[in-house]
PDB file of all heavy atoms in Angstrom:
ATOM      1  N   ILE A   1      28.216  18.844  17.829  1.00  0.00           N
ATOM      2  CA  ILE A   1      27.449  18.262  18.979  1.00  0.00           C
ATOM      3  C   ILE A   1      26.194  19.109  19.221  1.00  0.00           C
ATOM      4  O   ILE A   1      25.028  18.558  19.252  1.00  0.00           O
ATOM      5  CB  ILE A   1      28.254  18.063  20.192  1.00  0.00           C
ATOM      6  CG1 ILE A   1      29.343  16.960  19.915  1.00  0.00           C
ATOM      7  CG2 ILE A   1      27.433  17.602  21.373  1.00  0.00           C
ATOM      8  CD1 ILE A   1      30.369  16.778  21.020  1.00  0.00           C
ATOM      9  N   PRO A   2      26.340  20.415  19.472  1.00  0.00           N
ATOM     10  CA  PRO A   2      25.079  21.160  19.721  1.00  0.00           C
ATOM     11  C   PRO A   2      24.128  21.201  18.509  1.00  0.00           C
ATOM     12  O   PRO A   2      22.881  21.294  18.666  1.00  0.00           O
ATOM     13  CB  PRO A   2      25.592  22.595  20.089  1.00  0.00           C
ATOM     14  CG  PRO A   2      26.981  22.660  19.639  1.00  0.00           C
ATOM     15  CD  PRO A   2      27.519  21.248  19.685  1.00  0.00           C
ATOM     16  N   CYS A   3      24.786  21.185  17.341  1.00  0.00           N
ATOM     17  CA  CYS A   3      23.917  21.160  16.119  1.00  0.00           C
ATOM     18  C   CYS A   3      23.121  19.927  15.985  1.00  0.00           C
ATOM     19  O   CYS A   3      22.009  19.974  15.576  1.00  0.00           O
ATOM     20  CB  CYS A   3      24.886  21.253  14.838  1.00  0.00           C
ATOM     21  SG  CYS A   3      25.857  22.763  14.738  1.00  0.00           S
ATOM     22  N   TYR A   4      23.652  18.774  16.508  1.00  0.00           N
ATOM     23  CA  TYR A   4      22.845  17.510  16.518  1.00  0.00           C
ATOM     24  C   TYR A   4      21.621  17.678  17.361  1.00  0.00           C
ATOM     25  O   TYR A   4      20.509  17.271  16.932  1.00  0.00           O
ATOM     26  CB  TYR A   4      23.684  16.331  16.964  1.00  0.00           C
ATOM     27  CG  TYR A   4      22.978  15.088  17.263  1.00  0.00           C
ATOM     28  CD1 TYR A   4      22.636  14.298  16.165  1.00  0.00           C
ATOM     29  CD2 TYR A   4      22.612  14.767  18.516  1.00  0.00           C
ATOM     30  CE1 TYR A   4      21.920  13.089  16.339  1.00  0.00           C
ATOM     31  CE2 TYR A   4      21.895  13.552  18.750  1.00  0.00           C
ATOM     32  CZ  TYR A   4      21.512  12.723  17.632  1.00  0.00           C
ATOM     33  OH  TYR A   4      20.832  11.606  17.913  1.00  0.00           O
ATOM     34  N   PHE A   5      21.812  18.282  18.496  1.00  0.00           N
ATOM     35  CA  PHE A   5      20.677  18.358  19.396  1.00  0.00           C
ATOM     36  C   PHE A   5      19.628  19.446  18.824  1.00  0.00           C
ATOM     37  O   PHE A   5      18.477  19.282  19.032  1.00  0.00           O
ATOM     38  CB  PHE A   5      21.126  18.837  20.782  1.00  0.00           C
ATOM     39  CG  PHE A   5      21.767  17.709  21.559  1.00  0.00           C
ATOM     40  CD1 PHE A   5      23.148  17.647  21.686  1.00  0.00           C
ATOM     41  CD2 PHE A   5      20.992  16.734  22.111  1.00  0.00           C
ATOM     42  CE1 PHE A   5      23.765  16.664  22.356  1.00  0.00           C
ATOM     43  CE2 PHE A   5      21.582  15.698  22.795  1.00  0.00           C
ATOM     44  CZ  PHE A   5      22.951  15.624  22.969  1.00  0.00           C
ATOM     45  N   PHE A   6      20.210  20.485  18.103  1.00  0.00           N
ATOM     46  CA  PHE A   6      19.279  21.379  17.496  1.00  0.00           C
ATOM     47  C   PHE A   6      18.405  20.684  16.386  1.00  0.00           C
ATOM     48  O   PHE A   6      17.254  20.869  16.288  1.00  0.00           O
ATOM     49  CB  PHE A   6      20.071  22.577  16.871  1.00  0.00           C
ATOM     50  CG  PHE A   6      19.275  23.474  16.020  1.00  0.00           C
ATOM     51  CD1 PHE A   6      18.357  24.426  16.567  1.00  0.00           C
ATOM     52  CD2 PHE A   6      19.344  23.361  14.636  1.00  0.00           C
ATOM     53  CE1 PHE A   6      17.623  25.223  15.827  1.00  0.00           C
ATOM     54  CE2 PHE A   6      18.546  24.176  13.765  1.00  0.00           C
ATOM     55  CZ  PHE A   6      17.735  25.138  14.406  1.00  0.00           C
ATOM     56  N   ALA A   7      19.159  19.866  15.614  1.00  0.00           N
ATOM     57  CA  ALA A   7      18.428  19.161  14.491  1.00  0.00           C
ATOM     58  C   ALA A   7      17.389  18.211  15.137  1.00  0.00           C
ATOM     59  O   ALA A   7      16.207  18.146  14.582  1.00  0.00           O
ATOM     60  CB  ALA A   7      19.412  18.280  13.701  1.00  0.00           C
ATOM     61  N   THR A   8      17.663  17.483  16.216  1.00  0.00           N
ATOM     62  CA  THR A   8      16.757  16.498  16.705  1.00  0.00           C
ATOM     63  C   THR A   8      15.643  17.080  17.633  1.00  0.00           C
ATOM     64  O   THR A   8      14.550  16.606  17.658  1.00  0.00           O
ATOM     65  CB  THR A   8      17.546  15.397  17.542  1.00  0.00           C
ATOM     66  OG1 THR A   8      18.315  16.072  18.543  1.00  0.00           O
ATOM     67  CG2 THR A   8      18.424  14.620  16.595  1.00  0.00           C
ATOM     68  N   GLN A   9      16.011  18.192  18.357  1.00  0.00           N
ATOM     69  CA  GLN A   9      15.046  18.684  19.364  1.00  0.00           C
ATOM     70  C   GLN A   9      14.278  19.861  18.820  1.00  0.00           C
ATOM     71  O   GLN A   9      13.127  20.132  19.285  1.00  0.00           O
ATOM     72  CB  GLN A   9      15.800  18.989  20.592  1.00  0.00           C
ATOM     73  CG  GLN A   9      16.587  17.871  21.186  1.00  0.00           C
ATOM     74  CD  GLN A   9      15.635  16.718  21.511  1.00  0.00           C
ATOM     75  OE1 GLN A   9      14.597  16.870  22.107  1.00  0.00           O
ATOM     76  NE2 GLN A   9      16.124  15.511  21.291  1.00  0.00           N
ATOM     77  N   ILE A  10      14.890  20.692  17.964  1.00  0.00           N
ATOM     78  CA  ILE A  10      14.221  21.975  17.574  1.00  0.00           C
ATOM     79  C   ILE A  10      13.781  21.928  16.122  1.00  0.00           C
ATOM     80  O   ILE A  10      12.647  22.203  15.791  1.00  0.00           O
ATOM     81  CB  ILE A  10      15.112  23.137  17.892  1.00  0.00           C
ATOM     82  CG1 ILE A  10      15.376  23.198  19.353  1.00  0.00           C
ATOM     83  CG2 ILE A  10      14.441  24.432  17.427  1.00  0.00           C
ATOM     84  CD1 ILE A  10      16.326  24.258  19.851  1.00  0.00           C
ATOM     85  N   ALA A  11      14.752  21.667  15.174  1.00  0.00           N
ATOM     86  CA  ALA A  11      14.467  21.674  13.825  1.00  0.00           C
ATOM     87  C   ALA A  11      13.437  20.591  13.441  1.00  0.00           C
ATOM     88  O   ALA A  11      12.540  20.771  12.578  1.00  0.00           O
ATOM     89  CB  ALA A  11      15.724  21.392  12.952  1.00  0.00           C
ATOM     90  N   SER A  12      13.424  19.503  14.249  1.00  0.00           N
ATOM     91  CA  SER A  12      12.404  18.457  13.942  1.00  0.00           C
ATOM     92  C   SER A  12      11.051  18.890  14.239  1.00  0.00           C
ATOM     93  O   SER A  12      10.100  18.176  13.806  1.00  0.00           O
ATOM     94  CB  SER A  12      12.759  17.222  14.818  1.00  0.00           C
ATOM     95  OG  SER A  12      13.991  16.646  14.414  1.00  0.00           O
ATOM     96  N   LYS A  13      10.813  19.975  14.945  1.00  0.00           N
ATOM     97  CA  LYS A  13       9.467  20.455  15.250  1.00  0.00           C
ATOM     98  C   LYS A  13       8.867  21.249  14.104  1.00  0.00           C
ATOM     99  O   LYS A  13       7.692  21.595  14.065  1.00  0.00           O
ATOM    100  CB  LYS A  13       9.461  21.270  16.550  1.00  0.00           C
ATOM    101  CG  LYS A  13       9.780  20.471  17.834  1.00  0.00           C
ATOM    102  CD  LYS A  13       9.816  21.310  19.076  1.00  0.00           C
ATOM    103  CE  LYS A  13      10.206  20.388  20.327  1.00  0.00           C
ATOM    104  NZ  LYS A  13      10.310  21.272  21.472  1.00  0.00           N
ATOM    105  N   VAL A  14       9.789  21.568  13.135  1.00  0.00           N
ATOM    106  CA  VAL A  14       9.247  22.283  11.978  1.00  0.00           C
ATOM    107  C   VAL A  14       8.502  21.408  10.992  1.00  0.00           C
ATOM    108  O   VAL A  14       9.036  20.294  10.681  1.00  0.00           O
ATOM    109  CB  VAL A  14      10.466  23.007  11.148  1.00  0.00           C
ATOM    110  CG1 VAL A  14       9.901  23.649   9.865  1.00  0.00           C
ATOM    111  CG2 VAL A  14      11.065  24.027  12.033  1.00  0.00           C
ATOM    112  N   GLU A  15       7.222  21.703  10.678  1.00  0.00           N
ATOM    113  CA  GLU A  15       6.515  20.791   9.912  1.00  0.00           C
ATOM    114  C   GLU A  15       6.887  20.930   8.386  1.00  0.00           C
ATOM    115  O   GLU A  15       6.807  22.031   7.838  1.00  0.00           O
ATOM    116  CB  GLU A  15       4.973  21.114  10.067  1.00  0.00           C
ATOM    117  CG  GLU A  15       4.470  20.774  11.450  1.00  0.00           C
ATOM    118  CD  GLU A  15       2.961  20.967  11.516  1.00  0.00           C
ATOM    119  OE1 GLU A  15       2.347  21.228  10.479  1.00  0.00           O
ATOM    120  OE2 GLU A  15       2.452  20.934  12.671  1.00  0.00           O
ATOM    121  N   LEU A  16       7.365  19.825   7.842  1.00  0.00           N
ATOM    122  CA  LEU A  16       7.800  19.749   6.500  1.00  0.00           C
ATOM    123  C   LEU A  16       7.293  18.522   5.873  1.00  0.00           C
ATOM    124  O   LEU A  16       7.814  17.490   6.043  1.00  0.00           O
ATOM    125  CB  LEU A  16       9.300  19.891   6.402  1.00  0.00           C
ATOM    126  CG  LEU A  16       9.915  20.024   4.982  1.00  0.00           C
ATOM    127  CD1 LEU A  16       9.483  21.330   4.345  1.00  0.00           C
ATOM    128  CD2 LEU A  16      11.452  19.949   5.055  1.00  0.00           C
ATOM    129  N   PRO A  17       6.206  18.626   5.060  1.00  0.00           N
ATOM    130  CA  PRO A  17       5.653  17.357   4.437  1.00  0.00           C
ATOM    131  C   PRO A  17       6.687  16.760   3.566  1.00  0.00           C
ATOM    132  O   PRO A  17       7.465  17.399   2.811  1.00  0.00           O
ATOM    133  CB  PRO A  17       4.397  17.890   3.690  1.00  0.00           C
ATOM    134  CG  PRO A  17       4.595  19.335   3.426  1.00  0.00           C
ATOM    135  CD  PRO A  17       5.485  19.825   4.670  1.00  0.00           C
ATOM    136  N   ILE A  18       6.629  15.436   3.444  1.00  0.00           N
ATOM    137  CA  ILE A  18       7.425  14.681   2.497  1.00  0.00           C
ATOM    138  C   ILE A  18       6.585  14.204   1.362  1.00  0.00           C
ATOM    139  O   ILE A  18       5.649  13.328   1.504  1.00  0.00           O
ATOM    140  CB  ILE A  18       8.005  13.375   3.247  1.00  0.00           C
ATOM    141  CG1 ILE A  18       8.824  13.823   4.498  1.00  0.00           C
ATOM    142  CG2 ILE A  18       8.939  12.631   2.283  1.00  0.00           C
ATOM    143  CD1 ILE A  18       9.256  12.700   5.305  1.00  0.00           C
ATOM    144  N   ALA A  19       6.879  14.817   0.198  1.00  0.00           N
ATOM    145  CA  ALA A  19       6.218  14.343  -1.033  1.00  0.00           C
ATOM    146  C   ALA A  19       6.991  13.429  -1.829  1.00  0.00           C
ATOM    147  O   ALA A  19       7.801  13.806  -2.681  1.00  0.00           O
ATOM    148  CB  ALA A  19       5.895  15.691  -1.894  1.00  0.00           C
ATOM    149  N   LEU A  20       6.720  12.244  -1.571  1.00  0.00           N
ATOM    150  CA  LEU A  20       7.404  11.117  -2.283  1.00  0.00           C
ATOM    151  C   LEU A  20       6.748  10.852  -3.586  1.00  0.00           C
ATOM    152  O   LEU A  20       5.528  10.847  -3.701  1.00  0.00           O
ATOM    153  CB  LEU A  20       7.457   9.822  -1.476  1.00  0.00           C
ATOM    154  CG  LEU A  20       8.438   9.750  -0.214  1.00  0.00           C
ATOM    155  CD1 LEU A  20       8.275   8.477   0.410  1.00  0.00           C
ATOM    156  CD2 LEU A  20       9.841  10.006  -0.631  1.00  0.00           C
ATOM    157  N   GLU A  21       7.551  10.552  -4.583  1.00  0.00           N
ATOM    158  CA  GLU A  21       6.946  10.142  -5.875  1.00  0.00           C
ATOM    159  C   GLU A  21       6.526   8.644  -5.779  1.00  0.00           C
ATOM    160  O   GLU A  21       7.054   7.864  -5.165  1.00  0.00           O
ATOM    161  CB  GLU A  21       8.106  10.092  -7.027  1.00  0.00           C
ATOM    162  CG  GLU A  21       8.637  11.563  -7.291  1.00  0.00           C
ATOM    163  CD  GLU A  21       7.662  12.384  -8.051  1.00  0.00           C
ATOM    164  OE1 GLU A  21       6.624  11.805  -8.503  1.00  0.00           O
ATOM    165  OE2 GLU A  21       7.857  13.585  -8.141  1.00  0.00           O
ATOM    166  N   PRO A  22       5.285   8.416  -6.234  1.00  0.00           N
ATOM    167  CA  PRO A  22       4.707   7.130  -6.139  1.00  0.00           C
ATOM    168  C   PRO A  22       5.565   6.089  -6.886  1.00  0.00           C
ATOM    169  O   PRO A  22       6.085   6.403  -7.979  1.00  0.00           O
ATOM    170  CB  PRO A  22       3.335   7.235  -6.737  1.00  0.00           C
ATOM    171  CG  PRO A  22       3.388   8.334  -7.621  1.00  0.00           C
ATOM    172  CD  PRO A  22       4.364   9.311  -6.957  1.00  0.00           C
ATOM    173  N   ILE A  23       5.775   4.885  -6.218  1.00  0.00           N
ATOM    174  CA  ILE A  23       6.601   3.894  -6.963  1.00  0.00           C
ATOM    175  C   ILE A  23       5.738   3.300  -8.114  1.00  0.00           C
ATOM    176  O   ILE A  23       4.541   2.944  -7.920  1.00  0.00           O
ATOM    177  CB  ILE A  23       6.906   2.666  -5.966  1.00  0.00           C
ATOM    178  CG1 ILE A  23       7.848   3.302  -4.828  1.00  0.00           C
ATOM    179  CG2 ILE A  23       7.627   1.549  -6.685  1.00  0.00           C
ATOM    180  CD1 ILE A  23       8.175   2.299  -3.721  1.00  0.00           C
ATOM    181  N   ALA A  24       6.322   3.288  -9.332  1.00  0.00           N
ATOM    182  CA  ALA A  24       5.583   2.898 -10.514  1.00  0.00           C
ATOM    183  C   ALA A  24       5.052   1.457 -10.454  1.00  0.00           C
ATOM    184  O   ALA A  24       3.963   1.211 -10.758  1.00  0.00           O
ATOM    185  CB  ALA A  24       6.451   3.083 -11.710  1.00  0.00           C
ATOM    186  N   ASN A  25       5.871   0.584  -9.921  1.00  0.00           N
ATOM    187  CA  ASN A  25       5.480  -0.820  -9.828  1.00  0.00           C
ATOM    188  C   ASN A  25       6.003  -1.429  -8.494  1.00  0.00           C
ATOM    189  O   ASN A  25       7.022  -2.039  -8.355  1.00  0.00           O
ATOM    190  CB  ASN A  25       6.151  -1.648 -10.993  1.00  0.00           C
ATOM    191  CG  ASN A  25       5.483  -3.024 -11.041  1.00  0.00           C
ATOM    192  OD1 ASN A  25       4.803  -3.536 -10.194  1.00  0.00           O
ATOM    193  ND2 ASN A  25       5.726  -3.720 -12.225  1.00  0.00           N
ATOM    194  N   PRO A  26       5.123  -1.215  -7.429  1.00  0.00           N
ATOM    195  CA  PRO A  26       5.617  -1.557  -6.062  1.00  0.00           C
ATOM    196  C   PRO A  26       5.859  -3.061  -5.898  1.00  0.00           C
ATOM    197  O   PRO A  26       6.520  -3.525  -4.948  1.00  0.00           O
ATOM    198  CB  PRO A  26       4.463  -1.153  -5.240  1.00  0.00           C
ATOM    199  CG  PRO A  26       3.284  -0.960  -6.042  1.00  0.00           C
ATOM    200  CD  PRO A  26       3.839  -0.603  -7.376  1.00  0.00           C
ATOM    201  N   ASP A  27       5.302  -3.869  -6.765  1.00  0.00           N
ATOM    202  CA  ASP A  27       5.511  -5.353  -6.696  1.00  0.00           C
ATOM    203  C   ASP A  27       6.834  -5.797  -7.300  1.00  0.00           C
ATOM    204  O   ASP A  27       7.253  -6.927  -7.038  1.00  0.00           O
ATOM    205  CB  ASP A  27       4.320  -6.096  -7.382  1.00  0.00           C
ATOM    206  CG  ASP A  27       2.997  -5.863  -6.668  1.00  0.00           C
ATOM    207  OD1 ASP A  27       2.974  -5.674  -5.419  1.00  0.00           O
ATOM    208  OD2 ASP A  27       1.992  -5.764  -7.319  1.00  0.00           O
ATOM    209  N   LYS A  28       7.474  -4.912  -8.040  1.00  0.00           N
ATOM    210  CA  LYS A  28       8.684  -5.320  -8.705  1.00  0.00           C
ATOM    211  C   LYS A  28       9.755  -4.241  -8.434  1.00  0.00           C
ATOM    212  O   LYS A  28      10.119  -3.445  -9.370  1.00  0.00           O
ATOM    213  CB  LYS A  28       8.482  -5.510 -10.163  1.00  0.00           C
ATOM    214  CG  LYS A  28       7.645  -6.820 -10.500  1.00  0.00           C
ATOM    215  CD  LYS A  28       7.608  -7.056 -11.962  1.00  0.00           C
ATOM    216  CE  LYS A  28       6.817  -8.312 -12.226  1.00  0.00           C
ATOM    217  NZ  LYS A  28       6.730  -8.576 -13.805  1.00  0.00           N
ATOM    218  N   THR A  29      10.235  -4.181  -7.218  1.00  0.00           N
ATOM    219  CA  THR A  29      11.283  -3.126  -6.865  1.00  0.00           C
ATOM    220  C   THR A  29      12.635  -3.777  -7.376  1.00  0.00           C
ATOM    221  O   THR A  29      12.850  -4.936  -7.376  1.00  0.00           O
ATOM    222  CB  THR A  29      11.383  -2.939  -5.367  1.00  0.00           C
ATOM    223  OG1 THR A  29      11.385  -4.061  -4.635  1.00  0.00           O
ATOM    224  CG2 THR A  29      10.127  -2.164  -5.002  1.00  0.00           C
ATOM    225  N   PRO A  30      13.593  -2.838  -7.692  1.00  0.00           N
ATOM    226  CA  PRO A  30      14.925  -3.302  -8.130  1.00  0.00           C
ATOM    227  C   PRO A  30      15.763  -3.983  -7.036  1.00  0.00           C
ATOM    228  O   PRO A  30      15.502  -3.757  -5.839  1.00  0.00           O
ATOM    229  CB  PRO A  30      15.579  -2.037  -8.701  1.00  0.00           C
ATOM    230  CG  PRO A  30      14.908  -0.944  -8.016  1.00  0.00           C
ATOM    231  CD  PRO A  30      13.435  -1.434  -7.678  1.00  0.00           C
ATOM    232  N   ALA A  31      16.803  -4.651  -7.427  1.00  0.00           N
ATOM    233  CA  ALA A  31      17.798  -5.203  -6.482  1.00  0.00           C
ATOM    234  C   ALA A  31      18.556  -4.123  -5.774  1.00  0.00           C
ATOM    235  O   ALA A  31      18.727  -3.062  -6.306  1.00  0.00           O
ATOM    236  CB  ALA A  31      18.661  -6.252  -7.189  1.00  0.00           C
ATOM    237  N   LEU A  32      19.045  -4.466  -4.547  1.00  0.00           N
ATOM    238  CA  LEU A  32      19.736  -3.509  -3.749  1.00  0.00           C
ATOM    239  C   LEU A  32      21.083  -2.976  -4.513  1.00  0.00           C
ATOM    240  O   LEU A  32      21.310  -1.812  -4.561  1.00  0.00           O
ATOM    241  CB  LEU A  32      20.177  -4.093  -2.404  1.00  0.00           C
ATOM    242  CG  LEU A  32      21.006  -3.190  -1.540  1.00  0.00           C
ATOM    243  CD1 LEU A  32      20.242  -1.928  -1.125  1.00  0.00           C
ATOM    244  CD2 LEU A  32      21.434  -3.911  -0.277  1.00  0.00           C
ATOM    245  N   TRP A  33      21.755  -3.933  -5.059  1.00  0.00           N
ATOM    246  CA  TRP A  33      23.005  -3.552  -5.751  1.00  0.00           C
ATOM    247  C   TRP A  33      22.778  -2.648  -6.957  1.00  0.00           C
ATOM    248  O   TRP A  33      23.549  -1.726  -7.203  1.00  0.00           O
ATOM    249  CB  TRP A  33      23.818  -4.805  -6.234  1.00  0.00           C
ATOM    250  CG  TRP A  33      23.218  -5.611  -7.396  1.00  0.00           C
ATOM    251  CD1 TRP A  33      22.317  -6.589  -7.272  1.00  0.00           C
ATOM    252  CD2 TRP A  33      23.454  -5.335  -8.801  1.00  0.00           C
ATOM    253  NE1 TRP A  33      21.999  -7.042  -8.575  1.00  0.00           N
ATOM    254  CE2 TRP A  33      22.676  -6.339  -9.477  1.00  0.00           C
ATOM    255  CE3 TRP A  33      24.254  -4.494  -9.514  1.00  0.00           C
ATOM    256  CZ2 TRP A  33      22.680  -6.323 -10.918  1.00  0.00           C
ATOM    257  CZ3 TRP A  33      24.290  -4.583 -10.860  1.00  0.00           C
ATOM    258  CH2 TRP A  33      23.461  -5.467 -11.494  1.00  0.00           C
ATOM    259  N   LYS A  34      21.652  -2.813  -7.695  1.00  0.00           N
ATOM    260  CA  LYS A  34      21.294  -1.948  -8.734  1.00  0.00           C
ATOM    261  C   LYS A  34      20.963  -0.607  -8.278  1.00  0.00           C
ATOM    262  O   LYS A  34      21.355   0.431  -8.794  1.00  0.00           O
ATOM    263  CB  LYS A  34      20.183  -2.522  -9.582  1.00  0.00           C
ATOM    264  CG  LYS A  34      20.479  -3.591 -10.542  1.00  0.00           C
ATOM    265  CD  LYS A  34      19.272  -3.958 -11.363  1.00  0.00           C
ATOM    266  CE  LYS A  34      19.610  -5.030 -12.401  1.00  0.00           C
ATOM    267  NZ  LYS A  34      18.431  -5.355 -13.257  1.00  0.00           N
ATOM    268  N   SER A  35      20.192  -0.521  -7.151  1.00  0.00           N
ATOM    269  CA  SER A  35      19.773   0.683  -6.578  1.00  0.00           C
ATOM    270  C   SER A  35      20.965   1.515  -6.043  1.00  0.00           C
ATOM    271  O   SER A  35      21.012   2.757  -6.093  1.00  0.00           O
ATOM    272  CB  SER A  35      18.835   0.469  -5.358  1.00  0.00           C
ATOM    273  OG  SER A  35      17.774  -0.293  -5.809  1.00  0.00           O
ATOM    274  N   LEU A  36      22.003   0.879  -5.543  1.00  0.00           N
ATOM    275  CA  LEU A  36      23.127   1.585  -5.038  1.00  0.00           C
ATOM    276  C   LEU A  36      24.101   2.125  -6.104  1.00  0.00           C
ATOM    277  O   LEU A  36      24.859   3.086  -5.852  1.00  0.00           O
ATOM    278  CB  LEU A  36      23.994   0.608  -4.188  1.00  0.00           C
ATOM    279  CG  LEU A  36      23.360   0.322  -2.790  1.00  0.00           C
ATOM    280  CD1 LEU A  36      24.121  -0.822  -2.149  1.00  0.00           C
ATOM    281  CD2 LEU A  36      23.387   1.575  -1.976  1.00  0.00           C
ATOM    282  N   LEU A  37      24.000   1.594  -7.356  1.00  0.00           N
ATOM    283  CA  LEU A  37      24.934   2.070  -8.436  1.00  0.00           C
ATOM    284  C   LEU A  37      24.927   3.501  -8.663  1.00  0.00           C
ATOM    285  O   LEU A  37      26.000   4.203  -8.708  1.00  0.00           O
ATOM    286  CB  LEU A  37      24.602   1.274  -9.713  1.00  0.00           C
ATOM    287  CG  LEU A  37      25.109  -0.235  -9.840  1.00  0.00           C
ATOM    288  CD1 LEU A  37      24.667  -0.771 -11.152  1.00  0.00           C
ATOM    289  CD2 LEU A  37      26.623  -0.226  -9.768  1.00  0.00           C
ATOM    290  N   ALA A  38      23.703   4.028  -8.790  1.00  0.00           N
ATOM    291  CA  ALA A  38      23.548   5.399  -9.098  1.00  0.00           C
ATOM    292  C   ALA A  38      24.024   6.356  -8.090  1.00  0.00           C
ATOM    293  O   ALA A  38      24.376   7.486  -8.232  1.00  0.00           O
ATOM    294  CB  ALA A  38      22.125   5.707  -9.499  1.00  0.00           C
ATOM    295  N   LEU A  39      24.054   5.855  -6.804  1.00  0.00           N
ATOM    296  CA  LEU A  39      24.577   6.713  -5.701  1.00  0.00           C
ATOM    297  C   LEU A  39      26.011   6.591  -5.510  1.00  0.00           C
ATOM    298  O   LEU A  39      26.765   7.521  -5.350  1.00  0.00           O
ATOM    299  CB  LEU A  39      23.817   6.270  -4.398  1.00  0.00           C
ATOM    300  CG  LEU A  39      22.392   6.721  -4.270  1.00  0.00           C
ATOM    301  CD1 LEU A  39      21.813   6.130  -2.874  1.00  0.00           C
ATOM    302  CD2 LEU A  39      22.241   8.169  -4.307  1.00  0.00           C
ATOM    303  N   ILE A  40      26.464   5.326  -5.485  1.00  0.00           N
ATOM    304  CA  ILE A  40      27.914   5.034  -5.069  1.00  0.00           C
ATOM    305  C   ILE A  40      28.893   5.425  -6.229  1.00  0.00           C
ATOM    306  O   ILE A  40      29.929   6.033  -5.919  1.00  0.00           O
ATOM    307  CB  ILE A  40      28.086   3.609  -4.744  1.00  0.00           C
ATOM    308  CG1 ILE A  40      27.326   3.272  -3.418  1.00  0.00           C
ATOM    309  CG2 ILE A  40      29.485   3.211  -4.528  1.00  0.00           C
ATOM    310  CD1 ILE A  40      27.373   1.944  -2.906  1.00  0.00           C
ATOM    311  N   ILE A  41      28.572   5.067  -7.461  1.00  0.00           N
ATOM    312  CA  ILE A  41      29.517   5.288  -8.547  1.00  0.00           C
ATOM    313  C   ILE A  41      29.868   6.785  -8.786  1.00  0.00           C
ATOM    314  O   ILE A  41      31.066   7.200  -8.785  1.00  0.00           O
ATOM    315  CB  ILE A  41      29.056   4.730  -9.850  1.00  0.00           C
ATOM    316  CG1 ILE A  41      28.898   3.259  -9.804  1.00  0.00           C
ATOM    317  CG2 ILE A  41      30.006   5.056 -11.067  1.00  0.00           C
ATOM    318  CD1 ILE A  41      30.149   2.439  -9.436  1.00  0.00           C
ATOM    319  N   PRO A  42      28.897   7.686  -8.730  1.00  0.00           N
ATOM    320  CA  PRO A  42      29.312   9.137  -8.841  1.00  0.00           C
ATOM    321  C   PRO A  42      30.175   9.592  -7.676  1.00  0.00           C
ATOM    322  O   PRO A  42      31.081  10.360  -7.835  1.00  0.00           O
ATOM    323  CB  PRO A  42      27.878   9.833  -8.846  1.00  0.00           C
ATOM    324  CG  PRO A  42      26.984   8.892  -9.377  1.00  0.00           C
ATOM    325  CD  PRO A  42      27.385   7.512  -8.844  1.00  0.00           C
ATOM    326  N   LEU A  43      29.756   9.146  -6.431  1.00  0.00           N
ATOM    327  CA  LEU A  43      30.529   9.569  -5.256  1.00  0.00           C
ATOM    328  C   LEU A  43      31.935   9.043  -5.364  1.00  0.00           C
ATOM    329  O   LEU A  43      32.887   9.760  -5.046  1.00  0.00           O
ATOM    330  CB  LEU A  43      29.866   8.947  -3.942  1.00  0.00           C
ATOM    331  CG  LEU A  43      28.526   9.593  -3.711  1.00  0.00           C
ATOM    332  CD1 LEU A  43      27.917   8.796  -2.448  1.00  0.00           C
ATOM    333  CD2 LEU A  43      28.693  11.019  -3.312  1.00  0.00           C
ATOM    334  N   VAL A  44      32.179   7.826  -5.814  1.00  0.00           N
ATOM    335  CA  VAL A  44      33.481   7.286  -5.944  1.00  0.00           C
ATOM    336  C   VAL A  44      34.306   7.945  -6.983  1.00  0.00           C
ATOM    337  O   VAL A  44      35.521   8.349  -6.763  1.00  0.00           O
ATOM    338  CB  VAL A  44      33.436   5.748  -6.248  1.00  0.00           C
ATOM    339  CG1 VAL A  44      34.869   5.194  -6.597  1.00  0.00           C
ATOM    340  CG2 VAL A  44      32.845   4.926  -5.057  1.00  0.00           C
TER     341      VAL A  44
END
């Protein structure tokens, strides 16, 4: 519980830029179920 408030109120003030990889083809994104495969199957 106190860690949650630390993350939201204090750690959130640390500036950390988000460097996202550009989407190769933004007009043709994959289906949700395909996108979830690579995450869910290893976890399962």
